[in-house]
């Protein structure tokens, strides 16, 4: 191993003691990187460690943001919270202000929501707001395009009123009827946008807020807020553990929405489905997305019966085991198989695929086929 750059990288990966025989001399900047890594991954024997000191943690957060790219910073923050139990230090504004916003950090803040002191609350809201803004920039436009495209395709009609005529498509459909002598087209076929009303489809997002679902809650809140801003959709947002909370009125602001959740606690999917069922008024025009690992703490039989009843009423029901960037989620395989046997699609979904999923559901496409094409 004679490559100096390769030696340098291995020295930083292994740490000072395991790589003592490498004979690698670190630059001042590499030494600071090494200290930041040792403070986290060799906390028991590092030169400085984090040591539960607010100024030290704040300085360490600043260092990792300086020396590592954003995606690495997010991993290191997550590892620090889990390995060194830094949750209480995140309640200090000077520490939190140095943190890089990411889904895992916001999930931790949501779990601490009820104990965040007043002096830290505005800083915490600022961190959540920065992440929400990032996700909105990334996800809003694809969601709007997918949903609006699905609705416009499924709702065109051939007998539109004058105000509903789609003139571009009508002209293209009648080009064969061009009359040169009159320099005009005879519009034998009229194509419209569809009858306009307050909402064309209803969407119910039913979100499990147990501790393992933090990333799913964050992403669901973003998508819920986007869809709630679209007049063609009527969106309801329900979160649950052993209690059910309807946060539809908070959909105008995803930050308020996230601070209205409370991660942790048990899970009563049956109770949540029963509540959502009571709010469905147009089953044939409704899509209900249950985001849950299906680990039921309430009545399994009641959960299955209610899910079956909702589906049989005409609602398009989807069970998402997770809505997150991670791979395969942990979930209750038996309940997932039961839902699938009812004809309810059951799978995990990454945020970048969710707009396409909603478009397929709103257009009443075969979601089993959509899933197979995605997985294929």
Protein backbone atom coordinates (compact mmCIF):
# COMPACT_ATOMS: atom_id res chain seq x y z
CA UNK A 1 0.00 0.00 0.00
CA UNK A 2 2.20 2.81 -1.31
CA UNK A 3 -0.47 5.26 -2.44
CA UNK A 4 -0.21 8.26 -0.03
CA UNK A 5 -3.86 9.28 -0.52
CA UNK A 6 -5.05 5.73 0.14
CA UNK A 7 -2.89 5.56 3.27
CA UNK A 8 -4.30 8.87 4.45
CA UNK A 9 -7.88 7.66 3.99
CA UNK A 10 -7.25 4.39 5.82
CA UNK A 11 -5.57 6.32 8.64
CA UNK A 12 -8.70 8.49 9.05
CA UNK A 13 -10.99 5.47 8.86
CA UNK A 14 -9.12 3.31 11.36
CA UNK A 15 -8.14 5.98 13.87
CA UNK A 16 -4.84 6.74 15.55
CA UNK A 17 -4.17 3.51 17.48
CA UNK A 18 -5.07 0.84 14.86
CA UNK A 19 -3.21 2.79 12.16
CA UNK A 20 -0.17 3.61 14.29
CA UNK A 21 2.12 1.56 12.06
CA UNK A 22 1.12 3.34 8.88
CA UNK A 23 3.60 6.15 9.40
CA UNK A 24 1.11 8.69 8.10
CA UNK A 25 1.49 12.30 9.20
CA UNK A 26 -1.79 14.22 9.18
CA UNK A 27 -2.13 17.85 8.14
CA UNK A 28 -3.71 20.32 10.57
CA UNK A 29 -7.06 20.01 8.78
CA UNK A 30 -6.90 16.22 8.69
CA UNK A 31 -6.08 16.25 12.41
CA UNK A 32 -9.28 18.21 13.11
CA UNK A 33 -11.24 15.73 10.99
CA UNK A 34 -9.63 12.90 12.93
CA UNK A 35 -10.58 14.50 16.25
CA UNK A 36 -14.18 14.87 15.11
CA UNK A 37 -14.33 11.20 14.09
CA UNK A 38 -12.66 9.99 17.30
CA UNK A 39 -14.99 12.08 19.46
CA UNK A 40 -17.89 10.09 18.04
CA UNK A 41 -16.63 6.65 17.11
CA UNK A 42 -13.94 6.22 19.81
CA UNK A 43 -15.83 8.13 22.49
CA UNK A 44 -14.59 5.95 25.33
CA UNK A 45 -10.91 6.51 24.60
CA UNK A 46 -10.74 9.65 22.45
CA UNK A 47 -8.56 12.59 23.29
CA UNK A 48 -11.45 14.93 23.77
CA UNK A 49 -14.73 13.15 23.29
CA UNK A 50 -18.02 15.00 23.50
CA UNK A 51 -18.31 14.48 27.20
CA UNK A 52 -21.82 15.83 27.66
CA UNK A 53 -20.60 19.43 27.41
CA UNK A 54 -22.86 21.84 25.53
CA UNK A 55 -20.01 24.03 24.16
CA UNK A 56 -18.03 20.94 23.14
CA UNK A 57 -20.99 19.40 21.29
CA UNK A 58 -21.78 22.72 19.58
CA UNK A 59 -18.16 23.02 18.47
CA UNK A 60 -18.16 19.40 17.24
CA UNK A 61 -21.32 20.01 15.20
CA UNK A 62 -19.67 23.03 13.63
CA UNK A 63 -16.51 21.02 12.86
CA UNK A 64 -18.29 18.18 11.09
CA UNK A 65 -20.25 20.68 8.97
CA UNK A 66 -16.95 22.27 8.00
CA UNK A 67 -15.01 19.11 7.16
CA UNK A 68 -17.59 16.69 5.76
CA UNK A 69 -20.24 16.85 3.03
CA UNK A 70 -23.89 17.26 4.04
CA UNK A 71 -24.91 13.62 3.62
CA UNK A 72 -22.01 12.51 5.84
CA UNK A 73 -22.90 15.15 8.44
CA UNK A 74 -26.42 13.76 8.63
CA UNK A 75 -25.12 10.24 9.24
CA UNK A 76 -22.70 11.44 11.94
CA UNK A 77 -25.43 13.45 13.69
CA UNK A 78 -27.71 10.41 13.69
CA UNK A 79 -24.91 8.21 15.04
CA UNK A 80 -24.09 10.75 17.77
CA UNK A 81 -27.71 10.91 18.94
CA UNK A 82 -27.98 7.12 19.03
CA UNK A 83 -24.49 6.19 20.32
CA UNK A 84 -23.89 9.01 22.77
CA UNK A 85 -27.49 9.76 23.75
CA UNK A 86 -27.27 13.48 22.98
CA UNK A 87 -31.03 14.04 22.97
CA UNK A 88 -30.98 16.24 26.06
CA UNK A 89 -28.23 18.43 24.61
CA UNK A 90 -30.45 19.13 21.59
CA UNK A 91 -32.72 20.99 23.99
CA UNK A 92 -30.05 23.69 24.26
CA UNK A 93 -30.41 26.40 21.59
CA UNK A 94 -26.65 26.92 21.09
CA UNK A 95 -26.25 23.21 20.29
CA UNK A 96 -29.32 22.89 18.11
CA UNK A 97 -28.42 25.97 16.08
CA UNK A 98 -25.26 24.19 14.87
CA UNK A 99 -27.08 21.08 13.68
CA UNK A 100 -27.65 20.21 10.02
CA UNK A 101 -31.39 19.74 9.32
CA UNK A 102 -32.27 16.22 8.21
CA UNK A 103 -35.18 13.82 8.56
CA UNK A 104 -33.64 11.90 11.46
CA UNK A 105 -32.85 15.06 13.45
CA UNK A 106 -36.36 16.40 12.93
CA UNK A 107 -37.73 13.02 13.99
CA UNK A 108 -35.74 13.29 17.22
CA UNK A 109 -37.06 16.81 17.84
CA UNK A 110 -40.60 15.58 17.25
CA UNK A 111 -40.07 12.86 19.88
CA UNK A 112 -38.84 15.57 22.30
CA UNK A 113 -41.62 17.98 21.38
CA UNK A 114 -43.36 17.92 24.74
CA UNK A 115 -40.19 18.60 26.74
CA UNK A 116 -38.51 21.23 24.56
CA UNK A 117 -38.03 24.28 26.82
CA UNK A 118 -39.35 27.64 25.72
CA UNK A 119 -35.84 29.04 25.18
CA UNK A 120 -35.18 26.32 22.57
CA UNK A 121 -38.56 26.12 20.88
CA UNK A 122 -37.96 28.87 18.31
CA UNK A 123 -34.55 27.39 17.44
CA UNK A 124 -36.18 23.98 17.00
CA UNK A 125 -38.87 25.47 14.77
CA UNK A 126 -36.13 27.10 12.71
CA UNK A 127 -34.37 23.76 12.20
CA UNK A 128 -37.65 22.10 11.20
CA UNK A 129 -38.51 25.00 8.90
CA UNK A 130 -35.17 24.68 7.08
CA UNK A 131 -35.78 20.99 6.43
CA UNK A 132 -39.39 21.60 5.37
CA UNK A 133 -38.23 24.25 2.89
CA UNK A 134 -35.63 21.87 1.46
CA UNK A 135 -38.17 19.08 1.03
CA UNK A 136 -40.80 21.38 -0.44
CA UNK A 137 -38.35 22.60 -3.08
CA UNK A 138 -37.56 18.99 -3.95
CA UNK A 139 -41.00 17.38 -3.80
CA UNK A 140 -43.68 20.01 -4.42
CA UNK A 141 -43.42 20.42 -8.18
CA UNK A 142 -43.21 16.68 -9.02
CA UNK A 143 -46.26 16.07 -6.82
CA UNK A 144 -48.30 18.85 -8.44
CA UNK A 145 -47.40 17.73 -11.95
CA UNK A 146 -48.19 14.07 -11.28
CA UNK A 147 -51.50 14.71 -9.49
CA UNK A 148 -52.77 17.38 -11.88
CA UNK A 149 -51.83 15.25 -14.88
CA UNK A 150 -53.68 12.23 -13.48
CA UNK A 151 -56.80 14.24 -12.72
CA UNK A 152 -56.91 16.03 -16.07
CA UNK A 153 -56.54 12.75 -17.97
CA UNK A 154 -59.21 10.94 -16.01
CA UNK A 155 -61.77 13.75 -15.99
CA UNK A 156 -61.92 14.92 -19.61
CA UNK A 157 -65.39 14.69 -21.11
CA UNK A 158 -66.83 14.77 -24.59
CA UNK A 159 -69.82 17.00 -23.83
CA UNK A 160 -68.23 20.00 -22.12
CA UNK A 161 -69.85 23.32 -21.46
CA UNK A 162 -68.34 26.31 -23.25
CA UNK A 163 -66.25 27.29 -20.21
CA UNK A 164 -64.93 23.71 -19.89
CA UNK A 165 -63.67 23.23 -23.48
CA UNK A 166 -60.00 22.35 -23.82
CA UNK A 167 -59.43 24.25 -27.08
CA UNK A 168 -55.92 22.95 -27.77
CA UNK A 169 -57.00 19.31 -27.66
CA UNK A 170 -60.28 20.04 -29.42
CA UNK A 171 -58.47 21.64 -32.38
CA UNK A 172 -55.98 18.77 -32.63
CA UNK A 173 -58.81 16.21 -32.54
CA UNK A 174 -60.61 17.98 -35.42
CA UNK A 175 -57.76 18.80 -37.81
CA UNK A 176 -59.20 16.29 -40.27
CA UNK A 177 -62.25 18.54 -40.52
CA UNK A 178 -60.33 21.49 -41.99
CA UNK A 179 -62.36 23.36 -44.65
CA UNK A 180 -59.89 25.24 -46.89
CA UNK A 181 -62.59 27.26 -48.62
CA UNK A 182 -63.71 28.68 -45.28
CA UNK A 183 -60.28 28.65 -43.59
CA UNK A 184 -61.76 27.00 -40.55
CA UNK A 185 -62.12 23.72 -38.65
CA UNK A 186 -65.50 22.09 -38.00
CA UNK A 187 -65.33 20.92 -34.35
CA UNK A 188 -67.34 17.72 -34.55
CA UNK A 189 -65.70 16.46 -31.34
CA UNK A 190 -65.43 18.65 -28.28
CA UNK A 191 -62.91 17.76 -25.55
CA UNK A 192 -63.31 19.28 -22.12
CA UNK A 193 -61.32 19.50 -18.90
CA UNK A 194 -64.13 17.94 -16.87
CA UNK A 195 -66.88 19.40 -14.75
CA UNK A 196 -65.42 21.82 -12.26
CA UNK A 197 -66.38 21.57 -8.63
CA UNK A 198 -64.79 22.26 -5.25
CA UNK A 199 -62.84 19.00 -5.28
CA UNK A 200 -62.59 16.11 -7.72
CA UNK A 201 -61.02 13.53 -5.41
CA UNK A 202 -60.77 13.05 -1.64
CA UNK A 203 -57.50 11.92 -0.08
CA UNK A 204 -57.17 10.58 3.47
CA UNK A 205 -53.66 10.23 4.89
CA UNK A 206 -53.75 8.05 8.01
CA UNK A 207 -50.30 8.19 9.61
CA UNK A 208 -48.86 5.93 12.31
CA UNK A 209 -46.81 8.14 14.67
CA UNK A 210 -45.19 5.36 16.68
CA UNK A 211 -41.47 5.88 17.27
CA UNK A 212 -40.27 3.79 14.32
CA UNK A 213 -42.25 5.87 11.83
CA UNK A 214 -40.46 9.24 12.27
CA UNK A 215 -39.23 9.65 8.68
CA UNK A 216 -42.63 8.55 7.33
CA UNK A 217 -44.37 11.20 9.44
CA UNK A 218 -42.04 13.92 8.11
CA UNK A 219 -42.51 13.02 4.45
CA UNK A 220 -46.25 12.43 4.85
CA UNK A 221 -46.60 15.94 6.29
CA UNK A 222 -44.87 17.47 3.27
CA UNK A 223 -47.01 15.57 0.76
CA UNK A 224 -50.13 16.29 2.78
CA UNK A 225 -49.43 20.01 2.76
CA UNK A 226 -48.80 20.02 -1.00
CA UNK A 227 -52.00 18.12 -1.81
CA UNK A 228 -54.03 20.27 0.60
CA UNK A 229 -53.02 23.33 -1.42
CA UNK A 230 -54.53 21.87 -4.61
CA UNK A 231 -58.22 22.84 -5.09
CA UNK A 232 -58.93 19.66 -7.06
CA UNK A 233 -58.20 17.56 -3.95
CA UNK A 234 -59.82 17.51 -0.54
CA UNK A 235 -57.12 16.22 1.82
CA UNK A 236 -57.53 14.95 5.36
CA UNK A 237 -54.51 14.30 7.60
CA UNK A 238 -54.91 11.97 10.58
CA UNK A 239 -52.15 10.79 12.95
CA UNK A 240 -52.49 8.09 15.55
CA UNK A 241 -50.84 6.04 18.27
CA UNK A 242 -53.31 4.74 20.83
CA UNK A 243 -55.22 7.99 20.31
CA UNK A 244 -56.36 9.54 17.03
CA UNK A 245 -55.69 13.20 16.20
CA UNK A 246 -57.08 14.96 13.12
CA UNK A 247 -54.54 17.60 12.04
CA UNK A 248 -56.28 18.61 8.81
CA UNK A 249 -56.59 22.21 9.98
CA UNK A 250 -52.77 22.41 10.28
CA UNK A 251 -52.07 21.35 6.68
CA UNK A 252 -51.47 24.96 5.65
CA UNK A 253 -48.12 24.89 7.47
CA UNK A 254 -46.03 21.67 7.59
CA UNK A 255 -44.02 23.02 10.55
CA UNK A 256 -47.17 23.39 12.67
CA UNK A 257 -48.24 19.99 11.39
CA UNK A 258 -45.02 18.32 12.55
CA UNK A 259 -45.13 20.01 15.93
CA UNK A 260 -48.69 18.73 16.28
CA UNK A 261 -47.47 15.13 16.17
CA UNK A 262 -46.11 13.15 19.10
CA UNK A 263 -43.81 10.28 18.21
CA UNK A 264 -43.78 7.22 20.43
CA UNK A 265 -46.36 5.33 22.38
CA UNK A 266 -48.51 2.39 21.31
CA UNK A 267 -50.45 1.72 18.13
CA UNK A 268 -54.20 1.31 17.57
CA UNK A 269 -54.74 1.02 13.83
CA UNK A 270 -58.30 -0.22 14.29
CA UNK A 271 -59.28 2.98 16.10
CA UNK A 272 -57.61 5.13 13.42
CA UNK A 273 -59.31 3.31 10.54
CA UNK A 274 -62.67 3.57 12.29
CA UNK A 275 -62.24 7.34 12.62
CA UNK A 276 -61.19 7.74 8.98
CA UNK A 277 -64.14 5.63 7.83
CA UNK A 278 -66.51 8.03 9.61
CA UNK A 279 -65.08 10.95 7.57
CA UNK A 280 -65.41 9.34 4.13
CA UNK A 281 -68.42 10.72 2.24
CA UNK A 282 -67.54 9.87 -1.38
CA UNK A 283 -65.98 6.40 -1.28
CA UNK A 284 -65.78 5.98 -5.06
CA UNK A 285 -63.82 9.22 -5.31
CA UNK A 286 -61.57 8.62 -2.28
CA UNK A 287 -58.00 7.38 -1.91
CA UNK A 288 -56.93 6.42 1.61
CA UNK A 289 -53.23 5.92 2.34
CA UNK A 290 -52.45 4.12 5.60
CA UNK A 291 -48.78 4.71 6.46
CA UNK A 292 -47.94 2.13 9.12
CA UNK A 293 -45.73 -0.85 9.86
CA UNK A 294 -49.00 -2.67 10.67
CA UNK A 295 -47.79 -3.66 14.15
CA UNK A 296 -51.24 -3.49 15.71
CA UNK A 297 -51.51 -3.01 19.47
CA UNK A 298 -55.30 -2.88 19.43
CA UNK A 299 -57.78 -5.29 17.88
CA UNK A 300 -56.26 -7.12 14.91
CA UNK A 301 -59.64 -8.57 13.95
CA UNK A 302 -61.23 -5.12 14.18
CA UNK A 303 -58.44 -3.60 12.09
CA UNK A 304 -58.87 -6.19 9.34
CA UNK A 305 -62.67 -5.97 9.33
CA UNK A 306 -62.62 -2.17 9.13
CA UNK A 307 -60.01 -2.13 6.37
CA UNK A 308 -62.07 -4.66 4.39
CA UNK A 309 -65.25 -2.64 4.91
CA UNK A 310 -63.60 0.58 3.73
CA UNK A 311 -62.24 -1.12 0.62
CA UNK A 312 -65.57 -2.79 -0.19
CA UNK A 313 -67.31 0.59 -0.01
CA UNK A 314 -65.32 1.70 -3.06
CA UNK A 315 -62.38 3.49 -1.43
CA UNK A 316 -58.98 2.85 -2.98
CA UNK A 317 -56.96 1.80 0.08
CA UNK A 318 -53.15 1.65 0.08
CA UNK A 319 -50.99 0.40 2.95
CA UNK A 320 -47.51 1.93 2.94
CA UNK A 321 -45.20 0.12 5.34
CA UNK A 322 -42.90 3.14 5.21
CA UNK A 323 -42.53 6.42 3.34
CA UNK A 324 -38.82 7.00 3.74
CA UNK A 325 -35.40 6.94 2.08
CA UNK A 326 -34.41 3.72 3.86
CA UNK A 327 -34.58 0.22 2.43
CA UNK A 328 -36.89 -2.54 3.57
CA UNK A 329 -38.80 -1.50 6.71
CA UNK A 330 -39.54 -3.61 9.74
CA UNK A 331 -43.24 -4.55 9.73
CA UNK A 332 -45.76 -7.17 10.80
CA UNK A 333 -45.57 -9.71 7.96
CA UNK A 334 -48.76 -11.53 8.97
CA UNK A 335 -50.89 -8.39 8.96
CA UNK A 336 -49.29 -7.27 5.69
CA UNK A 337 -50.22 -10.62 4.10
CA UNK A 338 -53.77 -10.29 5.42
CA UNK A 339 -54.14 -6.81 3.90
CA UNK A 340 -52.75 -8.07 0.59
CA UNK A 341 -55.27 -10.92 0.63
CA UNK A 342 -58.02 -8.29 0.92
CA UNK A 343 -56.78 -6.75 -2.33
CA UNK A 344 -55.11 -3.83 -0.54
CA UNK A 345 -51.67 -3.04 -2.05
CA UNK A 346 -48.96 -3.31 0.63
CA UNK A 347 -45.42 -2.04 0.06
CA UNK A 348 -42.88 0.56 1.13
CA UNK A 349 -42.35 3.69 -0.93
CA UNK A 350 -39.53 6.21 -1.23
CA UNK A 351 -40.44 9.92 -1.37
CA UNK A 352 -39.38 10.27 -5.00
CA UNK A 353 -41.89 7.56 -6.02
CA UNK A 354 -44.82 8.83 -3.97
CA UNK A 355 -46.07 11.43 -6.54
CA UNK A 356 -46.24 8.71 -9.21
CA UNK A 357 -48.05 6.42 -6.76
CA UNK A 358 -50.67 9.08 -5.98
CA UNK A 359 -51.12 9.81 -9.68
CA UNK A 360 -51.78 6.14 -10.37
CA UNK A 361 -54.20 5.89 -7.43
CA UNK A 362 -56.13 9.04 -8.40
CA UNK A 363 -56.41 7.80 -11.98
CA UNK A 364 -57.78 4.51 -10.59
CA UNK A 365 -55.04 2.43 -12.16
CA UNK A 366 -54.12 -1.09 -11.09
CA UNK A 367 -51.67 -0.46 -8.24
CA UNK A 368 -50.51 -4.07 -8.18
CA UNK A 369 -49.38 -3.58 -11.78
CA UNK A 370 -47.82 -0.22 -10.85
CA UNK A 371 -45.88 -1.91 -8.06
CA UNK A 372 -44.72 -4.80 -10.22
CA UNK A 373 -43.45 -2.41 -12.89
CA UNK A 374 -41.66 -0.37 -10.22
CA UNK A 375 -40.04 -3.45 -8.69
CA UNK A 376 -39.32 -5.00 -12.08
